[in-house]
Amino acid sequence: MSAIAAWVVVALVVVGAFFVFVGSFGLAKLSEFLKRLHGPTKSSTLGVGCILIASIVHHALLDQGLGLRELLITVFLFITAPISAHLMAKAAMAADPVLRPKPPAGRGGASEPAPERDRGT
């Protein structure tokens, strides 16, 4: 493997690790559920994708094949992560109507906002 290819693999792994770290940090430090959901679904998906692409490039350059397994994992991750995040956000808003955003002001025909609930705080 050439030095340039090795640097490309290293760069992809470092970028991927950075994004995974940022997603994990966001999950641990953000306050509300919907904010905590945003970190892992966006940045960790990109981070794991970079790491898997680095694995594909590494195995392809060592003449070990294209790495169909890593490609399938990447496709599966990019398809399922946004869908699961959407369903978790939808379930959270159904369970607690206070989380729903208010409708935009000044538009005709806007429905009444959901009644405010006492959160017990």
C-alpha atoms as a PDB file:
ATOM      1  CA  MET A   1       0.000   0.000   0.000  1.00  0.00           C
ATOM      2  CA  SER A   2       1.368   3.400  -0.942  1.00  0.00           C
ATOM      3  CA  ALA A   3       1.977   6.163   1.559  1.00  0.00           C
ATOM      4  CA  ILE A   4      -0.771   8.358   0.059  1.00  0.00           C
ATOM      5  CA  ALA A   5      -3.334   5.574   0.380  1.00  0.00           C
ATOM      6  CA  ALA A   6      -2.282   4.965   3.967  1.00  0.00           C
ATOM      7  CA  TRP A   7      -2.717   8.677   4.745  1.00  0.00           C
ATOM      8  CA  VAL A   8      -6.188   8.623   3.169  1.00  0.00           C
ATOM      9  CA  VAL A   9      -7.166   5.672   5.369  1.00  0.00           C
ATOM     10  CA  VAL A  10      -5.723   7.355   8.463  1.00  0.00           C
ATOM     11  CA  ALA A  11      -7.522  10.621   7.638  1.00  0.00           C
ATOM     12  CA  LEU A  12     -10.856   8.814   7.216  1.00  0.00           C
ATOM     13  CA  VAL A  13     -10.415   6.996  10.539  1.00  0.00           C
ATOM     14  CA  VAL A  14      -9.457  10.209  12.371  1.00  0.00           C
ATOM     15  CA  VAL A  15     -12.384  12.157  10.884  1.00  0.00           C
ATOM     16  CA  GLY A  16     -14.718   9.282  11.703  1.00  0.00           C
ATOM     17  CA  ALA A  17     -13.462   9.055  15.275  1.00  0.00           C
ATOM     18  CA  PHE A  18     -13.898  12.814  15.693  1.00  0.00           C
ATOM     19  CA  PHE A  19     -17.525  12.680  14.536  1.00  0.00           C
ATOM     20  CA  VAL A  20     -18.286   9.684  16.757  1.00  0.00           C
ATOM     21  CA  PHE A  21     -16.768  11.550  19.714  1.00  0.00           C
ATOM     22  CA  VAL A  22     -18.826  14.666  18.977  1.00  0.00           C
ATOM     23  CA  GLY A  23     -22.003  12.575  18.747  1.00  0.00           C
ATOM     24  CA  SER A  24     -21.259  10.805  22.005  1.00  0.00           C
ATOM     25  CA  PHE A  25     -20.442  14.088  23.717  1.00  0.00           C
ATOM     26  CA  GLY A  26     -23.722  15.562  22.481  1.00  0.00           C
ATOM     27  CA  LEU A  27     -25.641  12.566  23.790  1.00  0.00           C
ATOM     28  CA  ALA A  28     -24.057  12.928  27.210  1.00  0.00           C
ATOM     29  CA  LYS A  29     -24.130  16.714  27.622  1.00  0.00           C
ATOM     30  CA  LEU A  30     -27.284  18.047  25.952  1.00  0.00           C
ATOM     31  CA  SER A  31     -30.255  18.632  28.206  1.00  0.00           C
ATOM     32  CA  GLU A  32     -33.521  17.658  26.479  1.00  0.00           C
ATOM     33  CA  PHE A  33     -34.437  14.451  24.694  1.00  0.00           C
ATOM     34  CA  LEU A  34     -34.845  15.976  21.247  1.00  0.00           C
ATOM     35  CA  LYS A  35     -31.499  17.771  21.541  1.00  0.00           C
ATOM     36  CA  ARG A  36     -29.789  14.576  22.736  1.00  0.00           C
ATOM     37  CA  LEU A  37     -31.306  12.712  19.807  1.00  0.00           C
ATOM     38  CA  HIS A  38     -29.759  15.110  17.295  1.00  0.00           C
ATOM     39  CA  GLY A  39     -26.101  14.450  18.185  1.00  0.00           C
ATOM     40  CA  PRO A  40     -25.857  10.706  17.675  1.00  0.00           C
ATOM     41  CA  THR A  41     -28.125  10.550  14.645  1.00  0.00           C
ATOM     42  CA  LYS A  42     -26.199  13.107  12.650  1.00  0.00           C
ATOM     43  CA  SER A  43     -22.576  13.043  13.640  1.00  0.00           C
ATOM     44  CA  SER A  44     -22.201   9.445  14.747  1.00  0.00           C
ATOM     45  CA  THR A  45     -23.754   8.231  11.508  1.00  0.00           C
ATOM     46  CA  LEU A  46     -21.212  10.245   9.563  1.00  0.00           C
ATOM     47  CA  GLY A  47     -18.385   9.060  11.828  1.00  0.00           C
ATOM     48  CA  VAL A  48     -19.201   5.374  11.537  1.00  0.00           C
ATOM     49  CA  GLY A  49     -19.662   5.844   7.799  1.00  0.00           C
ATOM     50  CA  CYS A  50     -16.157   7.345   7.503  1.00  0.00           C
ATOM     51  CA  ILE A  51     -14.652   4.491   9.507  1.00  0.00           C
ATOM     52  CA  LEU A  52     -16.401   1.884   7.364  1.00  0.00           C
ATOM     53  CA  ILE A  53     -15.293   3.623   4.161  1.00  0.00           C
ATOM     54  CA  ALA A  54     -11.724   3.621   5.518  1.00  0.00           C
ATOM     55  CA  SER A  55     -12.060  -0.118   6.076  1.00  0.00           C
ATOM     56  CA  ILE A  56     -13.304  -0.616   2.513  1.00  0.00           C
ATOM     57  CA  VAL A  57     -10.397   1.407   1.092  1.00  0.00           C
ATOM     58  CA  HIS A  58      -7.862  -0.443   3.264  1.00  0.00           C
ATOM     59  CA  HIS A  59      -9.072  -3.902   2.241  1.00  0.00           C
ATOM     60  CA  ALA A  60      -9.366  -2.894  -1.429  1.00  0.00           C
ATOM     61  CA  LEU A  61      -5.779  -1.631  -1.484  1.00  0.00           C
ATOM     62  CA  LEU A  62      -4.516  -4.858   0.086  1.00  0.00           C
ATOM     63  CA  ASP A  63      -6.233  -6.841  -2.689  1.00  0.00           C
ATOM     64  CA  GLN A  64      -8.599  -8.513  -0.247  1.00  0.00           C
ATOM     65  CA  GLY A  65     -11.701  -7.643  -2.214  1.00  0.00           C
ATOM     66  CA  LEU A  66     -14.077  -4.730  -2.218  1.00  0.00           C
ATOM     67  CA  GLY A  67     -15.485  -5.325   1.249  1.00  0.00           C
ATOM     68  CA  LEU A  68     -19.114  -6.044   0.510  1.00  0.00           C
ATOM     69  CA  ARG A  69     -19.766  -6.552   4.215  1.00  0.00           C
ATOM     70  CA  GLU A  70     -18.668  -3.007   5.095  1.00  0.00           C
ATOM     71  CA  LEU A  71     -20.627  -1.588   2.172  1.00  0.00           C
ATOM     72  CA  LEU A  72     -23.802  -3.319   3.348  1.00  0.00           C
ATOM     73  CA  ILE A  73     -23.258  -2.099   6.916  1.00  0.00           C
ATOM     74  CA  THR A  74     -22.826   1.471   5.642  1.00  0.00           C
ATOM     75  CA  VAL A  75     -25.992   1.324   3.542  1.00  0.00           C
ATOM     76  CA  PHE A  76     -27.951  -0.228   6.407  1.00  0.00           C
ATOM     77  CA  LEU A  77     -26.695   2.438   8.831  1.00  0.00           C
ATOM     78  CA  PHE A  78     -27.513   5.341   6.506  1.00  0.00           C
ATOM     79  CA  ILE A  79     -31.020   3.971   5.927  1.00  0.00           C
ATOM     80  CA  THR A  80     -31.969   2.991   9.469  1.00  0.00           C
ATOM     81  CA  ALA A  81     -30.459   5.798  11.576  1.00  0.00           C
ATOM     82  CA  PRO A  82     -32.655   8.636  10.244  1.00  0.00           C
ATOM     83  CA  ILE A  83     -35.768   6.457  10.318  1.00  0.00           C
ATOM     84  CA  SER A  84     -35.226   5.363  13.912  1.00  0.00           C
ATOM     85  CA  ALA A  85     -34.485   8.949  15.000  1.00  0.00           C
ATOM     86  CA  HIS A  86     -37.662  10.146  13.312  1.00  0.00           C
ATOM     87  CA  LEU A  87     -39.746   7.474  15.022  1.00  0.00           C
ATOM     88  CA  MET A  88     -38.208   8.207  18.442  1.00  0.00           C
ATOM     89  CA  ALA A  89     -38.896  11.936  18.035  1.00  0.00           C
ATOM     90  CA  LYS A  90     -42.453  11.230  16.936  1.00  0.00           C
ATOM     91  CA  ALA A  91     -43.036   8.956  19.926  1.00  0.00           C
ATOM     92  CA  ALA A  92     -41.577  11.547  22.304  1.00  0.00           C
ATOM     93  CA  MET A  93     -43.859  14.264  20.933  1.00  0.00           C
ATOM     94  CA  ALA A  94     -46.874  11.964  21.192  1.00  0.00           C
ATOM     95  CA  ALA A  95     -46.041  11.094  24.788  1.00  0.00           C
ATOM     96  CA  ASP A  96     -45.434  14.713  25.823  1.00  0.00           C
ATOM     97  CA  PRO A  97     -47.343  17.349  23.789  1.00  0.00           C
ATOM     98  CA  VAL A  98     -45.311  20.145  25.424  1.00  0.00           C
ATOM     99  CA  LEU A  99     -42.373  19.099  23.211  1.00  0.00           C
ATOM    100  CA  ARG A 100     -44.289  19.979  20.064  1.00  0.00           C
ATOM    101  CA  PRO A 101     -43.214  23.217  18.411  1.00  0.00           C
ATOM    102  CA  LYS A 102     -45.728  26.043  18.365  1.00  0.00           C
ATOM    103  CA  PRO A 103     -47.360  26.794  15.017  1.00  0.00           C
ATOM    104  CA  PRO A 104     -46.007  29.813  13.156  1.00  0.00           C
ATOM    105  CA  ALA A 105     -47.689  33.095  14.033  1.00  0.00           C
ATOM    106  CA  GLY A 106     -49.647  35.074  11.489  1.00  0.00           C
ATOM    107  CA  ARG A 107     -50.925  32.213   9.372  1.00  0.00           C
ATOM    108  CA  GLY A 108     -54.636  31.924   8.866  1.00  0.00           C
ATOM    109  CA  GLY A 109     -56.405  28.744   9.814  1.00  0.00           C
ATOM    110  CA  ALA A 110     -53.828  27.603  12.321  1.00  0.00           C
ATOM    111  CA  SER A 111     -55.218  25.098  14.767  1.00  0.00           C
ATOM    112  CA  GLU A 112     -55.218  25.706  18.471  1.00  0.00           C
ATOM    113  CA  PRO A 113     -51.997  24.805  20.261  1.00  0.00           C
ATOM    114  CA  ALA A 114     -51.937  21.721  22.434  1.00  0.00           C
ATOM    115  CA  PRO A 115     -52.936  22.343  26.045  1.00  0.00           C
ATOM    116  CA  GLU A 116     -50.022  22.952  28.386  1.00  0.00           C
ATOM    117  CA  ARG A 117     -49.398  20.182  30.879  1.00  0.00           C
ATOM    118  CA  ASP A 118     -47.922  20.526  34.281  1.00  0.00           C
ATOM    119  CA  ARG A 119     -44.590  18.682  34.224  1.00  0.00           C
ATOM    120  CA  GLY A 120     -44.428  18.459  37.978  1.00  0.00           C
ATOM    121  CA  THR A 121     -41.254  20.495  38.312  1.00  0.00           C
END
